Amino acid sequence: MKIAIIGGGWAGIAAAVELAERAPAADLTLFEAGRRLGGRAKQADVADAKNLDNGQHILLGAYRDTLALMQRVGVSPEQKLQRLPLQVRDNQGFRLALPRLSAPFNLAWGLLTAQSVNLKEKFSCALWMQRLKRQQFWLEQDCSVAEWLTAAGQIGVLRQRLWEPLCLAALNTPAERASAQVFAYVLRDSLGSAESGATDLLLPRDTLSALLPEPAAAWLQAREVQIRTRQRIRRLQPVDSVWDVEGEIFNQVIVAVAPQHLSALISPLAPTLPFSAQALRFEPIATIYLHYPSSVALPFPLMSLQSGVGQWLVDRGQGVLAASFSAHNAWETLKGDELAAVLHKEIASLLPDLANTSPPPHHLIKEQRATFSCLPNLPRCPQATPWHGLFIAGDHTWNEYPATLEGAVRSGIQAARLCFANEAKALNT
């Protein structure tokens, strides 16, 4: 059985690992258009700087399938990730810190001790979270996060300093446009989860490539999986009961490319599919790395920036601070030097010793179509297709999550299982 996996991002990697374990006798080929695996989550190609990523990603303890996949390819999450109890802190004095207590006591204590929030609002938020749990975080009707919060009476400090920043970070879509149902599912698996450590922050100690793509490539090659980088697939054609992939025949194919590249492969097969990747809207993400002296460090490794251009700030160690910008916003109007200067002033509100200093050297990395816009009632691409032996993977196929590493990994694993089940069914008929 020959299987092609088109796309070497985290979804494609997950599919390849799953198939290599479930069908070790299969002839697997993983195609990747770039020169290295990882998709949007890998080490950046920056000539004059090392150990930078093409975007600042933060994992959560709830990323169970991502963590398990790392372990399967020989990576120790405990060594590669710094695990910290969740804190949301900003440059205007807000702080919500969860202690190492079992759920729901960790969230209850975090709300009770939250700074800059009055007791009435804390109590209202606690009741709202309990109602969500009783509803199993399912909403009768999807709407925007902003509309949902307003209807629930969440209109105070916690909305401005906690829920809206978390929504933007998780869905890469502002609360005014983001899906309330998807955000509720994110809350279910993080702040609302009963699993130990689900809310923990997992900050990479190394590049994203070292977390999964590089060790996965070595693991796959040791099992004789072919990895063909720098090979973009532009033609996918069914021939009888098999697939022609750029002139090479495969029994089954998993397409794990970004949705903006999916249409070029799938649309020629049937222009009237129930899902159209061309109908998706996309959001940008930018990351600017500021290189301060090694003695510079944040009060906590993850900080929220309020009332300015900045959104989230991550301390990568050795004086490197990474600021991330999600979705279309005012930051897009600024050039790299301008953005660095504005951010430097905002960072000085956290670190007063920097107040009279010049902005440090920086690197800016932008991706204009980084994720799909996670809008209410957004149709998702099905993983199974009308064609025998063709399956789709990618974060845009995982219904309950926005564009996240965990959604990508879960989709890749599921696509591999569908592929394996399809082959088993064919052998039994």
Protein backbone atom coordinates (compact mmCIF):
# COMPACT_ATOMS: atom_id res chain seq x y z
CA MET A 1 0.00 0.00 0.00
CA LYS A 2 1.46 3.32 -1.10
CA ILE A 3 0.29 6.40 0.77
CA ALA A 4 1.17 10.03 -0.02
CA ILE A 5 0.92 12.77 2.58
CA ILE A 6 0.96 16.19 0.96
CA GLY A 7 2.10 18.87 3.40
CA GLY A 8 4.77 18.60 6.08
CA GLY A 9 3.28 20.85 8.74
CA TRP A 10 2.22 19.55 12.14
CA ALA A 11 -0.91 17.91 10.69
CA GLY A 12 1.10 16.10 8.01
CA ILE A 13 3.73 15.05 10.53
CA ALA A 14 1.05 13.68 12.88
CA ALA A 15 -0.53 11.72 10.02
CA ALA A 16 2.83 10.27 8.98
CA VAL A 17 3.75 9.16 12.50
CA GLU A 18 0.33 7.59 13.06
CA LEU A 19 0.50 5.68 9.77
CA ALA A 20 4.10 4.58 10.33
CA GLU A 21 3.01 2.98 13.61
CA ARG A 22 -0.33 1.56 12.46
CA ALA A 23 0.79 0.34 9.03
CA PRO A 24 4.54 -0.28 9.26
CA ALA A 25 4.54 -2.24 6.01
CA ALA A 26 3.07 0.67 4.04
CA ASP A 27 5.14 2.66 1.58
CA LEU A 28 4.79 6.21 2.96
CA THR A 29 5.94 9.42 1.26
CA LEU A 30 5.69 12.83 2.92
CA PHE A 31 5.84 15.79 0.49
CA GLU A 32 6.74 19.28 1.70
CA ALA A 33 7.05 22.37 -0.48
CA GLY A 34 9.52 24.09 1.84
CA ARG A 35 13.06 23.10 2.66
CA ARG A 36 12.15 21.81 6.12
CA LEU A 37 9.15 20.33 7.89
CA GLY A 38 7.00 22.33 10.26
CA GLY A 39 4.66 24.44 8.16
CA ARG A 40 3.83 27.69 9.98
CA ALA A 41 5.38 26.44 13.23
CA LYS A 42 9.10 26.00 12.70
CA GLN A 43 12.43 27.78 13.14
CA ALA A 44 12.65 30.96 11.11
CA ASP A 45 15.18 31.43 8.34
CA VAL A 46 16.85 34.57 9.71
CA ALA A 47 20.38 35.09 8.47
CA ASP A 48 21.73 37.25 11.29
CA ALA A 49 19.97 35.63 14.27
CA LYS A 50 19.63 32.13 15.68
CA ASN A 51 16.88 30.33 17.57
CA LEU A 52 14.00 32.47 16.35
CA ASP A 53 10.71 30.98 15.18
CA ASN A 54 8.49 32.10 12.31
CA GLY A 55 5.86 32.93 14.94
CA GLN A 56 5.59 32.88 18.72
CA HIS A 57 3.54 29.86 19.77
CA ILE A 58 2.46 29.02 23.30
CA LEU A 59 1.22 25.57 24.22
CA LEU A 60 -1.12 24.59 27.04
CA GLY A 61 -1.22 21.55 29.24
CA ALA A 62 -4.51 20.73 27.48
CA TYR A 63 -2.55 19.95 24.29
CA ARG A 64 -2.59 16.26 25.12
CA ASP A 65 -2.23 14.91 21.58
CA THR A 66 0.61 17.30 20.74
CA LEU A 67 2.49 16.32 23.90
CA ALA A 68 1.87 12.63 23.23
CA LEU A 69 3.13 13.01 19.65
CA MET A 70 6.32 14.64 20.89
CA GLN A 71 6.90 11.68 23.19
CA ARG A 72 6.22 9.19 20.39
CA VAL A 73 9.10 10.61 18.35
CA GLY A 74 11.48 10.67 21.32
CA VAL A 75 11.06 14.22 22.63
CA SER A 76 10.66 14.85 26.36
CA PRO A 77 8.10 17.63 26.89
CA GLU A 78 9.50 18.14 30.40
CA GLN A 79 12.90 19.03 28.95
CA LYS A 80 11.75 21.02 25.92
CA LEU A 81 8.93 22.98 27.57
CA GLN A 82 8.86 25.18 30.64
CA ARG A 83 5.64 24.37 32.53
CA LEU A 84 4.14 27.17 34.61
CA PRO A 85 0.75 27.61 36.31
CA LEU A 86 -1.34 29.95 34.19
CA GLN A 87 -1.08 33.64 34.90
CA VAL A 88 -2.61 36.50 32.94
CA ARG A 89 -0.77 39.71 33.83
CA ASP A 90 -0.59 43.05 32.08
CA ASN A 91 1.25 46.36 32.22
CA GLN A 92 -1.63 48.12 34.02
CA GLY A 93 -1.74 46.07 37.20
CA PHE A 94 -4.21 43.31 36.32
CA ARG A 95 -3.23 39.84 37.50
CA LEU A 96 -5.05 36.53 37.59
CA ALA A 97 -2.87 33.64 38.74
CA LEU A 98 -3.99 30.03 39.09
CA PRO A 99 -2.37 28.07 41.93
CA ARG A 100 -1.38 24.42 41.70
CA LEU A 101 -4.72 23.15 42.95
CA SER A 102 -7.07 20.66 41.34
CA ALA A 103 -9.93 21.99 39.22
CA PRO A 104 -12.22 23.82 39.84
CA PHE A 105 -10.46 25.12 42.97
CA ASN A 106 -7.57 26.56 40.95
CA LEU A 107 -9.89 28.79 38.91
CA ALA A 108 -11.99 29.70 41.94
CA TRP A 109 -8.89 30.82 43.84
CA GLY A 110 -7.55 32.65 40.80
CA LEU A 111 -10.78 34.62 40.44
CA LEU A 112 -11.00 35.34 44.17
CA THR A 113 -7.48 36.76 44.30
CA ALA A 114 -7.50 38.54 40.91
CA GLN A 115 -6.16 42.07 41.17
CA SER A 116 -7.97 45.18 39.85
CA VAL A 117 -11.34 43.36 39.88
CA ASN A 118 -14.12 44.04 42.38
CA LEU A 119 -15.81 41.24 44.33
CA LYS A 120 -19.17 41.59 42.55
CA GLU A 121 -17.56 41.00 39.16
CA LYS A 122 -15.56 38.04 40.46
CA PHE A 123 -18.74 36.44 41.80
CA SER A 124 -20.61 37.09 38.52
CA CYS A 125 -17.81 35.50 36.51
CA ALA A 126 -17.70 32.43 38.77
CA LEU A 127 -21.45 31.89 38.35
CA TRP A 128 -21.15 32.29 34.58
CA MET A 129 -18.38 29.67 34.40
CA GLN A 130 -20.51 27.27 36.45
CA ARG A 131 -23.44 27.75 34.05
CA LEU A 132 -21.13 27.03 31.13
CA LYS A 133 -19.98 23.80 32.75
CA ARG A 134 -23.57 22.68 33.31
CA GLN A 135 -24.21 23.38 29.62
CA GLN A 136 -21.04 21.40 28.80
CA PHE A 137 -19.84 24.58 27.07
CA TRP A 138 -22.38 24.14 24.30
CA LEU A 139 -24.28 27.20 23.07
CA GLU A 140 -27.76 26.98 21.57
CA GLN A 141 -26.79 29.50 18.92
CA ASP A 142 -23.38 30.68 17.80
CA CYS A 143 -22.65 34.41 17.76
CA SER A 144 -19.66 36.68 18.23
CA VAL A 145 -17.68 36.47 21.46
CA ALA A 146 -18.48 40.14 22.11
CA GLU A 147 -22.23 39.51 21.82
CA TRP A 148 -21.96 36.41 24.01
CA LEU A 149 -20.06 38.20 26.76
CA THR A 150 -22.50 41.10 26.75
CA ALA A 151 -25.52 38.77 26.98
CA ALA A 152 -23.86 36.98 29.90
CA GLY A 153 -23.25 40.25 31.75
CA GLN A 154 -19.47 39.99 31.36
CA ILE A 155 -18.88 43.67 30.67
CA GLY A 156 -16.28 44.74 33.24
CA VAL A 157 -12.56 44.46 33.88
CA LEU A 158 -12.40 40.71 33.28
CA ARG A 159 -13.85 41.13 29.82
CA GLN A 160 -11.30 43.79 28.85
CA ARG A 161 -8.24 42.29 30.54
CA LEU A 162 -8.92 38.52 30.41
CA TRP A 163 -11.59 37.26 28.02
CA GLU A 164 -11.00 39.50 25.02
CA PRO A 165 -7.17 39.15 25.09
CA LEU A 166 -7.52 35.36 25.48
CA CYS A 167 -9.98 35.24 22.60
CA LEU A 168 -7.62 37.16 20.33
CA ALA A 169 -4.67 34.98 21.33
CA ALA A 170 -6.52 31.67 20.92
CA LEU A 171 -8.68 32.34 17.85
CA ASN A 172 -6.52 34.98 16.13
CA THR A 173 -9.80 36.80 15.58
CA PRO A 174 -11.07 39.83 17.56
CA ALA A 175 -13.95 39.26 19.97
CA GLU A 176 -16.23 41.40 17.78
CA ARG A 177 -15.94 38.80 14.98
CA ALA A 178 -14.83 35.59 16.70
CA SER A 179 -17.02 32.51 17.19
CA ALA A 180 -18.41 32.26 20.72
CA GLN A 181 -18.91 28.50 20.35
CA VAL A 182 -15.30 27.82 19.40
CA PHE A 183 -14.09 30.08 22.22
CA ALA A 184 -16.36 28.17 24.61
CA TYR A 185 -14.72 24.91 23.50
CA VAL A 186 -11.30 26.46 24.14
CA LEU A 187 -12.44 27.41 27.65
CA ARG A 188 -13.84 23.91 28.16
CA ASP A 189 -10.47 22.30 27.50
CA SER A 190 -8.45 24.86 29.46
CA LEU A 191 -9.96 26.93 32.28
CA GLY A 192 -13.01 24.66 32.48
CA SER A 193 -11.13 21.37 32.35
CA ALA A 194 -10.96 18.96 35.28
CA GLU A 195 -7.72 17.43 33.98
CA SER A 196 -4.65 18.09 36.08
CA GLY A 197 -2.33 20.64 34.47
CA ALA A 198 -4.70 21.45 31.58
CA THR A 199 -4.39 25.18 32.24
CA ASP A 200 -0.58 25.18 32.58
CA LEU A 201 1.43 27.37 30.24
CA LEU A 202 4.02 25.45 28.22
CA LEU A 203 6.71 27.79 26.94
CA PRO A 204 9.24 26.34 24.48
CA ARG A 205 12.85 26.23 25.71
CA ASP A 206 14.02 25.58 22.14
CA THR A 207 12.88 26.40 18.63
CA LEU A 208 9.60 25.00 17.34
CA SER A 209 11.56 22.86 14.88
CA ALA A 210 13.31 21.16 17.80
CA LEU A 211 9.98 20.47 19.54
CA LEU A 212 8.58 18.23 16.80
CA PRO A 213 9.51 18.68 13.10
CA GLU A 214 13.21 17.79 13.34
CA PRO A 215 12.93 14.81 15.72
CA ALA A 216 9.85 13.59 13.83
CA ALA A 217 11.79 13.71 10.55
CA ALA A 218 14.56 11.59 12.07
CA TRP A 219 12.02 9.18 13.58
CA LEU A 220 10.19 8.78 10.27
CA GLN A 221 13.35 8.31 8.22
CA ALA A 222 14.51 5.60 10.65
CA ARG A 223 11.29 3.77 9.70
CA GLU A 224 11.99 4.21 5.98
CA VAL A 225 9.38 6.90 5.40
CA GLN A 226 10.40 9.00 2.40
CA ILE A 227 10.50 12.73 3.13
CA ARG A 228 10.70 14.88 0.03
CA THR A 229 11.23 18.53 0.84
CA ARG A 230 11.29 21.34 -1.74
CA GLN A 231 8.63 19.47 -3.71
CA ARG A 232 5.36 21.33 -4.18
CA ILE A 233 2.48 19.16 -5.40
CA ARG A 234 0.37 20.94 -8.00
CA ARG A 235 -1.46 18.05 -9.63
CA LEU A 236 -3.62 15.41 -7.97
CA GLN A 237 -5.63 13.15 -10.26
CA PRO A 238 -7.77 10.03 -9.60
CA VAL A 239 -6.99 7.16 -11.98
CA ASP A 240 -9.39 4.23 -11.59
CA SER A 241 -9.06 3.32 -7.89
CA VAL A 242 -5.65 4.95 -7.28
CA TRP A 243 -4.16 8.45 -7.31
CA ASP A 244 -1.71 10.09 -9.68
CA VAL A 245 0.46 12.53 -7.69
CA GLU A 246 2.71 14.39 -10.13
CA GLY A 247 3.06 11.22 -12.23
CA GLU A 248 3.58 8.84 -9.29
CA ILE A 249 0.83 6.38 -8.32
CA PHE A 250 -0.44 6.03 -4.74
CA ASN A 251 -3.27 3.99 -3.27
CA GLN A 252 -4.32 6.70 -0.82
CA VAL A 253 -3.58 10.38 -0.26
CA ILE A 254 -3.82 12.66 2.76
CA VAL A 255 -3.82 16.35 1.83
CA ALA A 256 -2.48 18.35 4.78
CA VAL A 257 -1.86 21.76 3.21
CA ALA A 258 -3.04 25.18 4.36
CA PRO A 259 -6.63 25.90 3.26
CA GLN A 260 -5.55 28.62 0.83
CA HIS A 261 -3.56 25.96 -1.07
CA LEU A 262 -6.25 23.29 -0.80
CA SER A 263 -8.52 24.67 -3.53
CA ALA A 264 -5.84 24.40 -6.19
CA LEU A 265 -5.57 20.65 -5.51
CA ILE A 266 -9.19 19.76 -4.81
CA SER A 267 -11.32 22.10 -6.91
CA PRO A 268 -10.37 20.57 -10.28
CA LEU A 269 -11.78 17.27 -9.02
CA ALA A 270 -15.24 18.68 -8.27
CA PRO A 271 -15.92 22.44 -8.35
CA THR A 272 -19.20 21.98 -6.41
CA LEU A 273 -17.88 20.54 -3.16
CA PRO A 274 -19.94 21.39 -0.03
CA PHE A 275 -16.85 23.13 1.38
CA SER A 276 -15.01 25.94 -0.38
CA ALA A 277 -11.61 26.93 0.95
CA GLN A 278 -11.83 29.98 -1.29
CA ALA A 279 -14.72 31.27 0.84
CA LEU A 280 -12.53 31.47 3.95
CA ARG A 281 -11.25 34.76 5.26
CA PHE A 282 -7.78 34.96 6.76
CA GLU A 283 -6.02 36.82 9.55
CA PRO A 284 -2.38 37.95 9.77
CA ILE A 285 0.09 37.32 12.57
CA ALA A 286 3.31 39.22 13.17
CA THR A 287 6.08 38.56 15.67
CA ILE A 288 8.77 41.09 16.48
CA TYR A 289 11.82 39.90 18.40
CA LEU A 290 13.58 42.60 20.44
CA HIS A 291 17.15 41.80 21.42
CA TYR A 292 17.86 43.41 24.80
CA PRO A 293 20.93 42.79 27.00
CA SER A 294 20.82 39.33 28.57
CA SER A 295 20.02 40.83 32.01
CA VAL A 296 16.61 42.09 30.83
CA ALA A 297 13.74 39.86 31.98
CA LEU A 298 9.96 40.20 32.37
CA PRO A 299 8.24 39.87 35.77
CA PHE A 300 6.52 36.77 34.33
CA PRO A 301 7.44 35.02 31.06
CA LEU A 302 4.06 35.88 29.47
CA MET A 303 2.63 39.39 29.76
CA SER A 304 -0.35 41.13 28.19
CA LEU A 305 0.10 44.69 26.92
CA GLN A 306 -2.92 46.94 27.35
CA SER A 307 -3.88 50.34 25.91
CA GLY A 308 -1.27 50.34 23.19
CA VAL A 309 -0.20 48.61 20.00
CA GLY A 310 1.26 45.54 21.72
CA GLN A 311 -0.82 42.47 22.53
CA TRP A 312 1.24 39.67 24.10
CA LEU A 313 4.88 39.62 25.16
CA VAL A 314 6.95 36.48 25.75
CA ASP A 315 10.31 36.31 27.50
CA ARG A 316 12.43 33.85 25.51
CA GLY A 317 15.41 34.24 27.82
CA GLN A 318 18.82 35.88 27.38
CA GLY A 319 17.16 39.26 26.86
CA VAL A 320 15.09 38.26 23.82
CA LEU A 321 11.47 39.44 24.11
CA ALA A 322 8.95 38.33 21.48
CA ALA A 323 5.86 40.45 20.93
CA SER A 324 3.02 38.92 18.94
CA PHE A 325 0.28 40.70 17.02
CA SER A 326 -2.86 38.89 15.99
CA ALA A 327 -5.49 39.73 13.39
CA HIS A 328 -6.06 42.94 11.44
CA ASN A 329 -5.42 45.93 13.70
CA ALA A 330 -3.53 49.20 14.12
CA TRP A 331 -0.16 47.43 14.27
CA GLU A 332 -0.37 46.76 10.52
CA THR A 333 0.11 50.46 9.74
CA LEU A 334 3.57 50.54 11.35
CA LYS A 335 6.87 49.61 9.77
CA GLY A 336 9.39 47.48 11.65
CA ASP A 337 11.38 50.34 13.21
CA GLU A 338 8.19 52.18 14.16
CA LEU A 339 6.72 49.07 15.72
CA ALA A 340 9.90 48.41 17.69
CA ALA A 341 9.94 52.00 19.00
CA VAL A 342 6.30 51.86 20.15
CA LEU A 343 6.78 48.48 21.76
CA HIS A 344 9.93 49.61 23.52
CA LYS A 345 7.92 52.34 25.27
CA GLU A 346 5.21 49.86 26.25
CA ILE A 347 7.80 47.44 27.61
CA ALA A 348 9.30 50.28 29.64
CA SER A 349 5.97 50.45 31.50
CA LEU A 350 6.85 46.99 32.81
CA LEU A 351 10.59 47.56 33.12
CA PRO A 352 11.22 51.19 34.22
CA ASP A 353 15.01 50.81 33.83
CA LEU A 354 14.44 50.85 30.06
CA ALA A 355 12.57 54.16 30.10
CA ASN A 356 15.48 56.33 28.92
CA THR A 357 17.07 53.83 26.55
CA SER A 358 16.82 53.44 22.78
CA PRO A 359 14.93 50.59 21.12
CA PRO A 360 17.14 47.51 20.76
CA PRO A 361 17.91 45.61 17.55
CA HIS A 362 14.91 43.68 16.29
CA HIS A 363 13.61 41.17 13.76
CA LEU A 364 10.07 41.36 12.39
CA ILE A 365 8.36 38.31 10.88
CA LYS A 366 4.94 38.69 9.26
CA GLU A 367 2.54 36.21 7.74
CA GLN A 368 -0.43 37.83 6.03
CA ARG A 369 -2.61 34.68 5.86
CA ALA A 370 -1.46 32.98 9.02
CA THR A 371 -4.82 31.50 10.09
CA PHE A 372 -8.40 31.36 8.96
CA SER A 373 -10.79 33.86 10.55
CA CYS A 374 -12.64 31.88 13.21
CA LEU A 375 -16.09 33.32 12.58
CA PRO A 376 -19.47 32.20 13.98
CA ASN A 377 -21.07 29.22 12.22
CA LEU A 378 -17.99 28.76 10.05
CA PRO A 379 -18.31 25.65 7.82
CA ARG A 380 -15.31 23.36 8.23
CA CYS A 381 -13.72 21.18 5.61
CA PRO A 382 -14.67 17.49 6.07
CA GLN A 383 -11.77 15.10 6.55
CA ALA A 384 -13.41 12.36 4.49
CA THR A 385 -14.08 13.20 0.84
CA PRO A 386 -16.38 11.80 -1.87
CA TRP A 387 -13.38 10.10 -3.49
CA HIS A 388 -12.08 6.72 -2.43
CA GLY A 389 -8.72 7.01 -0.66
CA LEU A 390 -8.56 10.82 -0.38
CA PHE A 391 -8.58 12.48 3.05
CA ILE A 392 -7.99 16.02 4.33
CA ALA A 393 -6.03 17.13 7.41
CA GLY A 394 -5.24 20.52 8.88
CA ASP A 395 -6.42 22.77 11.68
CA HIS A 396 -9.21 24.07 9.40
CA THR A 397 -10.80 20.59 9.50
CA TRP A 398 -10.96 20.26 13.30
CA ASN A 399 -14.44 21.54 14.14
CA GLU A 400 -14.05 22.35 17.82
CA TYR A 401 -10.79 24.29 17.69
CA PRO A 402 -9.46 27.42 16.03
CA ALA A 403 -6.19 27.34 14.09
CA THR A 404 -3.95 25.77 16.74
CA LEU A 405 -1.14 23.22 16.84
CA GLU A 406 -3.37 20.87 18.82
CA GLY A 407 -6.14 21.07 16.22
CA ALA A 408 -3.62 20.36 13.46
CA VAL A 409 -2.16 17.35 15.29
CA ARG A 410 -5.58 15.88 16.09
CA SER A 411 -6.69 16.29 12.48
CA GLY A 412 -3.57 14.54 11.19
CA ILE A 413 -4.04 11.60 13.54
CA GLN A 414 -7.72 11.29 12.57
CA ALA A 415 -6.96 11.47 8.84
CA ALA A 416 -4.41 8.67 9.24
CA ARG A 417 -6.96 6.54 11.08
CA LEU A 418 -9.53 7.13 8.35
CA CYS A 419 -6.92 6.15 5.79
CA PHE A 420 -6.03 2.98 7.68
CA ALA A 421 -9.68 2.03 8.21
CA ASN A 422 -10.38 2.57 4.51
CA GLU A 423 -7.58 0.22 3.55
CA ALA A 424 -8.72 -2.41 6.07
CA LYS A 425 -12.24 -2.22 4.66
CA ALA A 426 -10.96 -2.64 1.11
CA LEU A 427 -8.97 -5.73 2.10
CA ASN A 428 -12.04 -7.32 3.72
CA THR A 429 -14.29 -6.84 0.71
